[in-house]
Structure formats: C-alpha cells, structure tokens
PDB file of N, CA and C in Angstrom:
ATOM      1  N   MET A   1       7.017  15.717  -8.019  1.00  0.00           N
ATOM      2  CA  MET A   1       5.895  14.918  -7.548  1.00  0.00           C
ATOM      3  C   MET A   1       5.902  14.888  -6.022  1.00  0.00           C
ATOM      4  N   LYS A   2       4.739  14.791  -5.462  1.00  0.00           N
ATOM      5  CA  LYS A   2       4.632  14.739  -4.013  1.00  0.00           C
ATOM      6  C   LYS A   2       3.796  13.528  -3.619  1.00  0.00           C
ATOM      7  N   GLY A   3       4.224  12.816  -2.592  1.00  0.00           N
ATOM      8  CA  GLY A   3       3.464  11.679  -2.103  1.00  0.00           C
ATOM      9  C   GLY A   3       3.579  10.449  -2.986  1.00  0.00           C
ATOM     10  N   VAL A   4       4.735  10.207  -3.577  1.00  0.00           N
ATOM     11  CA  VAL A   4       4.928   9.059  -4.451  1.00  0.00           C
ATOM     12  C   VAL A   4       5.476   7.888  -3.639  1.00  0.00           C
ATOM     13  N   VAL A   5       4.892   6.699  -3.852  1.00  0.00           N
ATOM     14  CA  VAL A   5       5.341   5.478  -3.188  1.00  0.00           C
ATOM     15  C   VAL A   5       5.684   4.460  -4.266  1.00  0.00           C
ATOM     16  N   VAL A   6       6.889   3.898  -4.193  1.00  0.00           N
ATOM     17  CA  VAL A   6       7.319   2.866  -5.134  1.00  0.00           C
ATOM     18  C   VAL A   6       7.669   1.631  -4.326  1.00  0.00           C
ATOM     19  N   MET A   7       7.073   0.469  -4.701  1.00  0.00           N
ATOM     20  CA  MET A   7       7.291  -0.773  -3.972  1.00  0.00           C
ATOM     21  C   MET A   7       8.093  -1.743  -4.821  1.00  0.00           C
ATOM     22  N   PHE A   8       9.022  -2.452  -4.169  1.00  0.00           N
ATOM     23  CA  PHE A   8       9.841  -3.457  -4.824  1.00  0.00           C
ATOM     24  C   PHE A   8       9.672  -4.782  -4.092  1.00  0.00           C
ATOM     25  N   PRO A   9       8.760  -5.650  -4.562  1.00  0.00           N
ATOM     26  CA  PRO A   9       8.576  -6.946  -3.911  1.00  0.00           C
ATOM     27  C   PRO A   9       9.696  -7.918  -4.291  1.00  0.00           C
ATOM     28  N   ALA A  10      10.038  -8.807  -3.363  1.00  0.00           N
ATOM     29  CA  ALA A  10      11.030  -9.843  -3.634  1.00  0.00           C
ATOM     30  C   ALA A  10      10.372 -10.992  -4.403  1.00  0.00           C
ATOM     31  N   LYS A  11      11.174 -11.785  -5.094  1.00  0.00           N
ATOM     32  CA  LYS A  11      10.639 -12.911  -5.857  1.00  0.00           C
ATOM     33  C   LYS A  11       9.926 -13.920  -4.960  1.00  0.00           C
ATOM     34  N   ARG A  12      10.448 -14.135  -3.744  1.00  0.00           N
ATOM     35  CA  ARG A  12       9.824 -15.095  -2.827  1.00  0.00           C
ATOM     36  C   ARG A  12       8.576 -14.541  -2.164  1.00  0.00           C
ATOM     37  N   ALA A  13       8.278 -13.274  -2.368  1.00  0.00           N
ATOM     38  CA  ALA A  13       7.086 -12.593  -1.842  1.00  0.00           C
ATOM     39  C   ALA A  13       7.064 -12.496  -0.327  1.00  0.00           C
ATOM     40  N   ASP A  14       8.198 -12.743   0.336  1.00  0.00           N
ATOM     41  CA  ASP A  14       8.235 -12.606   1.789  1.00  0.00           C
ATOM     42  C   ASP A  14       8.908 -11.309   2.239  1.00  0.00           C
ATOM     43  N   ARG A  15       9.419 -10.535   1.267  1.00  0.00           N
ATOM     44  CA  ARG A  15      10.098  -9.280   1.575  1.00  0.00           C
ATOM     45  C   ARG A  15       9.638  -8.187   0.627  1.00  0.00           C
ATOM     46  N   VAL A  16       9.709  -6.947   1.120  1.00  0.00           N
ATOM     47  CA  VAL A  16       9.363  -5.802   0.284  1.00  0.00           C
ATOM     48  C   VAL A  16      10.234  -4.617   0.693  1.00  0.00           C
ATOM     49  N   LYS A  17      10.630  -3.838  -0.293  1.00  0.00           N
ATOM     50  CA  LYS A  17      11.299  -2.558  -0.058  1.00  0.00           C
ATOM     51  C   LYS A  17      10.389  -1.491  -0.634  1.00  0.00           C
ATOM     52  N   ILE A  18      10.205  -0.412   0.124  1.00  0.00           N
ATOM     53  CA  ILE A  18       9.333   0.674  -0.293  1.00  0.00           C
ATOM     54  C   ILE A  18      10.117   1.972  -0.212  1.00  0.00           C
ATOM     55  N   VAL A  19      10.079   2.728  -1.286  1.00  0.00           N
ATOM     56  CA  VAL A  19      10.709   4.051  -1.319  1.00  0.00           C
ATOM     57  C   VAL A  19       9.582   5.079  -1.392  1.00  0.00           C
ATOM     58  N   VAL A  20       9.608   6.037  -0.465  1.00  0.00           N
ATOM     59  CA  VAL A  20       8.567   7.064  -0.385  1.00  0.00           C
ATOM     60  C   VAL A  20       9.208   8.435  -0.598  1.00  0.00           C
ATOM     61  N   TRP A  21       8.625   9.211  -1.498  1.00  0.00           N
ATOM     62  CA  TRP A  21       9.029  10.604  -1.702  1.00  0.00           C
ATOM     63  C   TRP A  21       7.943  11.472  -1.098  1.00  0.00           C
ATOM     64  N   ASP A  22       8.287  12.275  -0.086  1.00  0.00           N
ATOM     65  CA  ASP A  22       7.288  13.106   0.589  1.00  0.00           C
ATOM     66  C   ASP A  22       7.365  14.578   0.211  1.00  0.00           C
ATOM     67  N   GLY A  23       8.133  14.891  -0.804  1.00  0.00           N
ATOM     68  CA  GLY A  23       8.262  16.271  -1.248  1.00  0.00           C
ATOM     69  C   GLY A  23       9.511  16.941  -0.721  1.00  0.00           C
ATOM     70  N   SER A  24      10.098  16.381   0.357  1.00  0.00           N
ATOM     71  CA  SER A  24      11.311  16.980   0.905  1.00  0.00           C
ATOM     72  C   SER A  24      12.483  16.001   0.927  1.00  0.00           C
ATOM     73  N   GLY A  25      12.213  14.723   0.711  1.00  0.00           N
ATOM     74  CA  GLY A  25      13.279  13.726   0.725  1.00  0.00           C
ATOM     75  C   GLY A  25      12.723  12.329   0.554  1.00  0.00           C
ATOM     76  N   LEU A  26      13.625  11.357   0.518  1.00  0.00           N
ATOM     77  CA  LEU A  26      13.254   9.960   0.335  1.00  0.00           C
ATOM     78  C   LEU A  26      13.324   9.198   1.650  1.00  0.00           C
ATOM     79  N   VAL A  27      12.435   8.218   1.791  1.00  0.00           N
ATOM     80  CA  VAL A  27      12.447   7.323   2.941  1.00  0.00           C
ATOM     81  C   VAL A  27      12.428   5.902   2.397  1.00  0.00           C
ATOM     82  N   LEU A  28      13.293   5.031   2.933  1.00  0.00           N
ATOM     83  CA  LEU A  28      13.318   3.628   2.548  1.00  0.00           C
ATOM     84  C   LEU A  28      12.722   2.807   3.679  1.00  0.00           C
ATOM     85  N   TYR A  29      11.723   2.000   3.356  1.00  0.00           N
ATOM     86  CA  TYR A  29      11.047   1.145   4.322  1.00  0.00           C
ATOM     87  C   TYR A  29      11.256  -0.286   3.864  1.00  0.00           C
ATOM     88  N   TRP A  30      11.702  -1.162   4.771  1.00  0.00           N
ATOM     89  CA  TRP A  30      11.970  -2.549   4.437  1.00  0.00           C
ATOM     90  C   TRP A  30      11.194  -3.438   5.381  1.00  0.00           C
ATOM     91  N   ARG A  31      10.542  -4.469   4.859  1.00  0.00           N
ATOM     92  CA  ARG A  31       9.720  -5.345   5.693  1.00  0.00           C
ATOM     93  C   ARG A  31       9.892  -6.784   5.219  1.00  0.00           C
ATOM     94  N   ARG A  32       9.957  -7.713   6.185  1.00  0.00           N
ATOM     95  CA  ARG A  32      10.059  -9.135   5.875  1.00  0.00           C
ATOM     96  C   ARG A  32       9.100  -9.890   6.772  1.00  0.00           C
ATOM     97  N   LEU A  33       8.374 -10.849   6.195  1.00  0.00           N
ATOM     98  CA  LEU A  33       7.462 -11.690   6.955  1.00  0.00           C
ATOM     99  C   LEU A  33       8.127 -13.037   7.231  1.00  0.00           C
ATOM    100  N   GLU A  34       7.998 -13.520   8.447  1.00  0.00           N
ATOM    101  CA  GLU A  34       8.532 -14.828   8.822  1.00  0.00           C
ATOM    102  C   GLU A  34       7.462 -15.890   8.612  1.00  0.00           C
ATOM    103  N   GLY A  35       7.768 -16.916   7.861  1.00  0.00           N
ATOM    104  CA  GLY A  35       6.871 -18.052   7.718  1.00  0.00           C
ATOM    105  C   GLY A  35       5.651 -17.834   6.837  1.00  0.00           C
ATOM    106  N   SER A  36       5.538 -16.686   6.186  1.00  0.00           N
ATOM    107  CA  SER A  36       4.424 -16.454   5.272  1.00  0.00           C
ATOM    108  C   SER A  36       4.887 -15.506   4.175  1.00  0.00           C
ATOM    109  N   ALA A  37       3.968 -15.125   3.310  1.00  0.00           N
ATOM    110  CA  ALA A  37       4.315 -14.255   2.193  1.00  0.00           C
ATOM    111  C   ALA A  37       3.254 -13.171   2.044  1.00  0.00           C
ATOM    112  N   PHE A  38       3.659 -12.066   1.453  1.00  0.00           N
ATOM    113  CA  PHE A  38       2.727 -10.991   1.160  1.00  0.00           C
ATOM    114  C   PHE A  38       1.788 -11.430   0.036  1.00  0.00           C
ATOM    115  N   LYS A  39       0.542 -11.023   0.105  1.00  0.00           N
ATOM    116  CA  LYS A  39      -0.412 -11.280  -0.968  1.00  0.00           C
ATOM    117  C   LYS A  39      -0.504  -9.994  -1.790  1.00  0.00           C
ATOM    118  N   TRP A  40       0.127 -10.010  -2.967  1.00  0.00           N
ATOM    119  CA  TRP A  40       0.237  -8.813  -3.782  1.00  0.00           C
ATOM    120  C   TRP A  40      -1.002  -8.578  -4.625  1.00  0.00           C
ATOM    121  N   PRO A  41      -1.357  -7.315  -4.836  1.00  0.00           N
ATOM    122  CA  PRO A  41      -2.481  -6.995  -5.721  1.00  0.00           C
ATOM    123  C   PRO A  41      -2.087  -7.253  -7.177  1.00  0.00           C
ATOM    124  N   PRO A  42      -3.075  -7.368  -8.044  1.00  0.00           N
ATOM    125  CA  PRO A  42      -2.753  -7.584  -9.460  1.00  0.00           C
ATOM    126  C   PRO A  42      -2.076  -6.348 -10.060  1.00  0.00           C
ATOM    127  N   VAL A  43      -1.225  -6.582 -11.026  1.00  0.00           N
ATOM    128  CA  VAL A  43      -0.552  -5.497 -11.746  1.00  0.00           C
ATOM    129  C   VAL A  43      -1.347  -5.223 -13.017  1.00  0.00           C
ATOM    130  N   VAL A  44      -1.812  -3.989 -13.156  1.00  0.00           N
ATOM    131  CA  VAL A  44      -2.573  -3.578 -14.331  1.00  0.00           C
ATOM    132  C   VAL A  44      -1.816  -2.429 -14.998  1.00  0.00           C
ATOM    133  N   ASP A  45      -1.425  -2.631 -16.238  1.00  0.00           N
ATOM    134  CA  ASP A  45      -0.638  -1.639 -16.978  1.00  0.00           C
ATOM    135  C   ASP A  45       0.641  -1.264 -16.238  1.00  0.00           C
ATOM    136  N   GLY A  46       1.258  -2.233 -15.580  1.00  0.00           N
ATOM    137  CA  GLY A  46       2.518  -2.016 -14.882  1.00  0.00           C
ATOM    138  C   GLY A  46       2.392  -1.336 -13.529  1.00  0.00           C
ATOM    139  N   VAL A  47       1.160  -1.207 -13.005  1.00  0.00           N
ATOM    140  CA  VAL A  47       0.943  -0.487 -11.747  1.00  0.00           C
ATOM    141  C   VAL A  47       0.060  -1.308 -10.812  1.00  0.00           C
ATOM    142  N   MET A  48       0.448  -1.350  -9.513  1.00  0.00           N
ATOM    143  CA  MET A  48      -0.400  -1.920  -8.466  1.00  0.00           C
ATOM    144  C   MET A  48      -1.081  -0.752  -7.768  1.00  0.00           C
ATOM    145  N   ARG A  49      -2.382  -0.788  -7.650  1.00  0.00           N
ATOM    146  CA  ARG A  49      -3.103   0.313  -6.998  1.00  0.00           C
ATOM    147  C   ARG A  49      -3.702  -0.176  -5.692  1.00  0.00           C
ATOM    148  N   MET A  50      -3.453   0.596  -4.614  1.00  0.00           N
ATOM    149  CA  MET A  50      -3.984   0.285  -3.292  1.00  0.00           C
ATOM    150  C   MET A  50      -4.278   1.583  -2.568  1.00  0.00           C
ATOM    151  N   ASN A  51      -5.258   1.559  -1.667  1.00  0.00           N
ATOM    152  CA  ASN A  51      -5.465   2.728  -0.826  1.00  0.00           C
ATOM    153  C   ASN A  51      -4.636   2.553   0.448  1.00  0.00           C
ATOM    154  N   ALA A  52      -4.639   3.537   1.323  1.00  0.00           N
ATOM    155  CA  ALA A  52      -3.799   3.517   2.523  1.00  0.00           C
ATOM    156  C   ALA A  52      -4.150   2.360   3.451  1.00  0.00           C
ATOM    157  N   ALA A  53      -5.445   2.061   3.611  1.00  0.00           N
ATOM    158  CA  ALA A  53      -5.863   0.963   4.487  1.00  0.00           C
ATOM    159  C   ALA A  53      -5.384  -0.378   3.950  1.00  0.00           C
ATOM    160  N   GLN A  54      -5.463  -0.567   2.630  1.00  0.00           N
ATOM    161  CA  GLN A  54      -5.015  -1.809   2.014  1.00  0.00           C
ATOM    162  C   GLN A  54      -3.500  -1.966   2.139  1.00  0.00           C
ATOM    163  N   LEU A  55      -2.757  -0.889   1.939  1.00  0.00           N
ATOM    164  CA  LEU A  55      -1.294  -0.939   2.081  1.00  0.00           C
ATOM    165  C   LEU A  55      -0.908  -1.274   3.509  1.00  0.00           C
ATOM    166  N   SER A  56      -1.570  -0.671   4.474  1.00  0.00           N
ATOM    167  CA  SER A  56      -1.286  -0.949   5.886  1.00  0.00           C
ATOM    168  C   SER A  56      -1.539  -2.414   6.213  1.00  0.00           C
ATOM    169  N   ALA A  57      -2.640  -2.964   5.704  1.00  0.00           N
ATOM    170  CA  ALA A  57      -2.954  -4.378   5.937  1.00  0.00           C
ATOM    171  C   ALA A  57      -1.923  -5.278   5.262  1.00  0.00           C
ATOM    172  N   LEU A  58      -1.518  -4.939   4.045  1.00  0.00           N
ATOM    173  CA  LEU A  58      -0.513  -5.724   3.331  1.00  0.00           C
ATOM    174  C   LEU A  58       0.782  -5.788   4.130  1.00  0.00           C
ATOM    175  N   LEU A  59       1.254  -4.642   4.621  1.00  0.00           N
ATOM    176  CA  LEU A  59       2.515  -4.596   5.354  1.00  0.00           C
ATOM    177  C   LEU A  59       2.427  -5.286   6.712  1.00  0.00           C
ATOM    178  N   ALA A  60       1.217  -5.434   7.249  1.00  0.00           N
ATOM    179  CA  ALA A  60       1.021  -6.158   8.503  1.00  0.00           C
ATOM    180  C   ALA A  60       0.906  -7.662   8.261  1.00  0.00           C
ATOM    181  N   GLY A  61       0.918  -8.078   6.979  1.00  0.00           N
ATOM    182  CA  GLY A  61       0.813  -9.485   6.648  1.00  0.00           C
ATOM    183  C   GLY A  61      -0.617  -9.984   6.622  1.00  0.00           C
ATOM    184  N   MET A  62      -1.580  -9.075   6.628  1.00  0.00           N
ATOM    185  CA  MET A  62      -2.994  -9.445   6.605  1.00  0.00           C
ATOM    186  C   MET A  62      -3.506  -9.530   5.176  1.00  0.00           C
ATOM    187  N   ASP A  63      -4.730 -10.044   5.021  1.00  0.00           N
ATOM    188  CA  ASP A  63      -5.364 -10.122   3.710  1.00  0.00           C
ATOM    189  C   ASP A  63      -5.915  -8.741   3.364  1.00  0.00           C
ATOM    190  N   TRP A  64      -5.205  -8.012   2.532  1.00  0.00           N
ATOM    191  CA  TRP A  64      -5.581  -6.627   2.205  1.00  0.00           C
ATOM    192  C   TRP A  64      -6.858  -6.555   1.386  1.00  0.00           C
ATOM    193  N   THR A  65      -7.275  -7.659   0.750  1.00  0.00           N
ATOM    194  CA  THR A  65      -8.474  -7.622  -0.086  1.00  0.00           C
ATOM    195  C   THR A  65      -9.735  -7.413   0.743  1.00  0.00           C
ATOM    196  N   ARG A  66      -9.643  -7.618   2.037  1.00  0.00           N
ATOM    197  CA  ARG A  66     -10.800  -7.419   2.910  1.00  0.00           C
ATOM    198  C   ARG A  66     -10.883  -5.988   3.448  1.00  0.00           C
ATOM    199  N   MET A  67      -9.879  -5.171   3.110  1.00  0.00           N
ATOM    200  CA  MET A  67      -9.850  -3.791   3.578  1.00  0.00           C
ATOM    201  C   MET A  67     -10.456  -2.882   2.520  1.00  0.00           C
ATOM    202  N   HIS A  68     -11.356  -2.006   2.937  1.00  0.00           N
ATOM    203  CA  HIS A  68     -11.990  -1.062   2.027  1.00  0.00           C
ATOM    204  C   HIS A  68     -11.892   0.330   2.625  1.00  0.00           C
ATOM    205  N   ALA A  69     -11.783   1.312   1.769  1.00  0.00           N
ATOM    206  CA  ALA A  69     -11.740   2.697   2.232  1.00  0.00           C
ATOM    207  C   ALA A  69     -13.103   3.055   2.821  1.00  0.00           C
ATOM    208  N   PRO A  70     -13.116   3.779   3.931  1.00  0.00           N
ATOM    209  CA  PRO A  70     -14.395   4.167   4.511  1.00  0.00           C
ATOM    210  C   PRO A  70     -15.170   5.095   3.588  1.00  0.00           C
ATOM    211  N   ARG A  71     -16.464   4.921   3.568  1.00  0.00           N
ATOM    212  CA  ARG A  71     -17.300   5.798   2.762  1.00  0.00           C
ATOM    213  C   ARG A  71     -17.605   7.059   3.555  1.00  0.00           C
ATOM    214  N   ILE A  72     -17.392   8.168   2.925  1.00  0.00           N
ATOM    215  CA  ILE A  72     -17.647   9.458   3.570  1.00  0.00           C
ATOM    216  C   ILE A  72     -18.934  10.022   2.981  1.00  0.00           C
ATOM    217  N   SER A  73     -19.926  10.143   3.838  1.00  0.00           N
ATOM    218  CA  SER A  73     -21.204  10.678   3.344  1.00  0.00           C
ATOM    219  C   SER A  73     -21.076  12.181   3.164  1.00  0.00           C
ATOM    220  N   GLN A  74     -21.677  12.666   2.118  1.00  0.00           N
ATOM    221  CA  GLN A  74     -21.613  14.089   1.847  1.00  0.00           C
ATOM    222  C   GLN A  74     -22.759  14.778   2.599  1.00  0.00           C
ATOM    223  N   LEU A  75     -22.395  15.815   3.289  1.00  0.00           N
ATOM    224  CA  LEU A  75     -23.401  16.579   4.035  1.00  0.00           C
ATOM    225  C   LEU A  75     -24.143  17.497   3.090  1.00  0.00           C
ATOM    226  N   LYS A  76     -25.462  17.527   3.223  1.00  0.00           N
ATOM    227  CA  LYS A  76     -26.258  18.430   2.399  1.00  0.00           C
ATOM    228  C   LYS A  76     -26.188  19.828   2.993  1.00  0.00           C
ATOM    229  N   ALA A  77     -26.074  20.780   2.126  1.00  0.00           N
ATOM    230  CA  ALA A  77     -26.003  22.165   2.588  1.00  0.00           C
ATOM    231  C   ALA A  77     -27.327  22.571   3.210  1.00  0.00           C
ATOM    232  N   LEU A  78     -27.232  23.226   4.352  1.00  0.00           N
ATOM    233  CA  LEU A  78     -28.430  23.710   5.017  1.00  0.00           C
ATOM    234  C   LEU A  78     -28.907  24.995   4.339  1.00  0.00           C
ATOM    235  N   ALA A  79     -30.169  25.065   4.042  1.00  0.00           N
ATOM    236  CA  ALA A  79     -30.702  26.252   3.351  1.00  0.00           C
ATOM    237  C   ALA A  79     -31.376  27.189   4.329  1.00  0.00           C
TER     238      ALA A  79
END
C-alpha cells in the first residue's frame, strides 16, 4: 500500500500519534494540544475519513468541520 495514514487518538483527546507509510518507510508524528482537545470526526465502519485540508486543520487544533476540499472546475475541451 502507498500513502496510508493510521491515527491513534488518546482517550483524553488532547494527544494523537500518526503513523504514515509513504511507500519507502514509516514516519511517526506525535502532537499534543495544551489546554484544549482535538475534535475527532465520526467513526463509520471503524474508519475516520478526512481530506488533507481537514487533517491539517485538526492537527492545528482548529475546527476541521469548516474545512472543505477546493472544487476543481473541469475545463471543456476546445474544439
């Protein structure tokens, strides 16, 4: 698998460990918030789904629910 991210939230929701597989090795990322907690997405069928913008906002301690992926308009082929 390539580009796999696995997150391990703490029970107090103020810490998270993230393991990333990039195809060549593993990276461990650890983050802790002082005085607040991460707002986790709902778990559906054992999986939390987020896009890159939402994950970045979550790790910054922001409200990730306000982050949306940019819409990319499709260019019409010139005839």
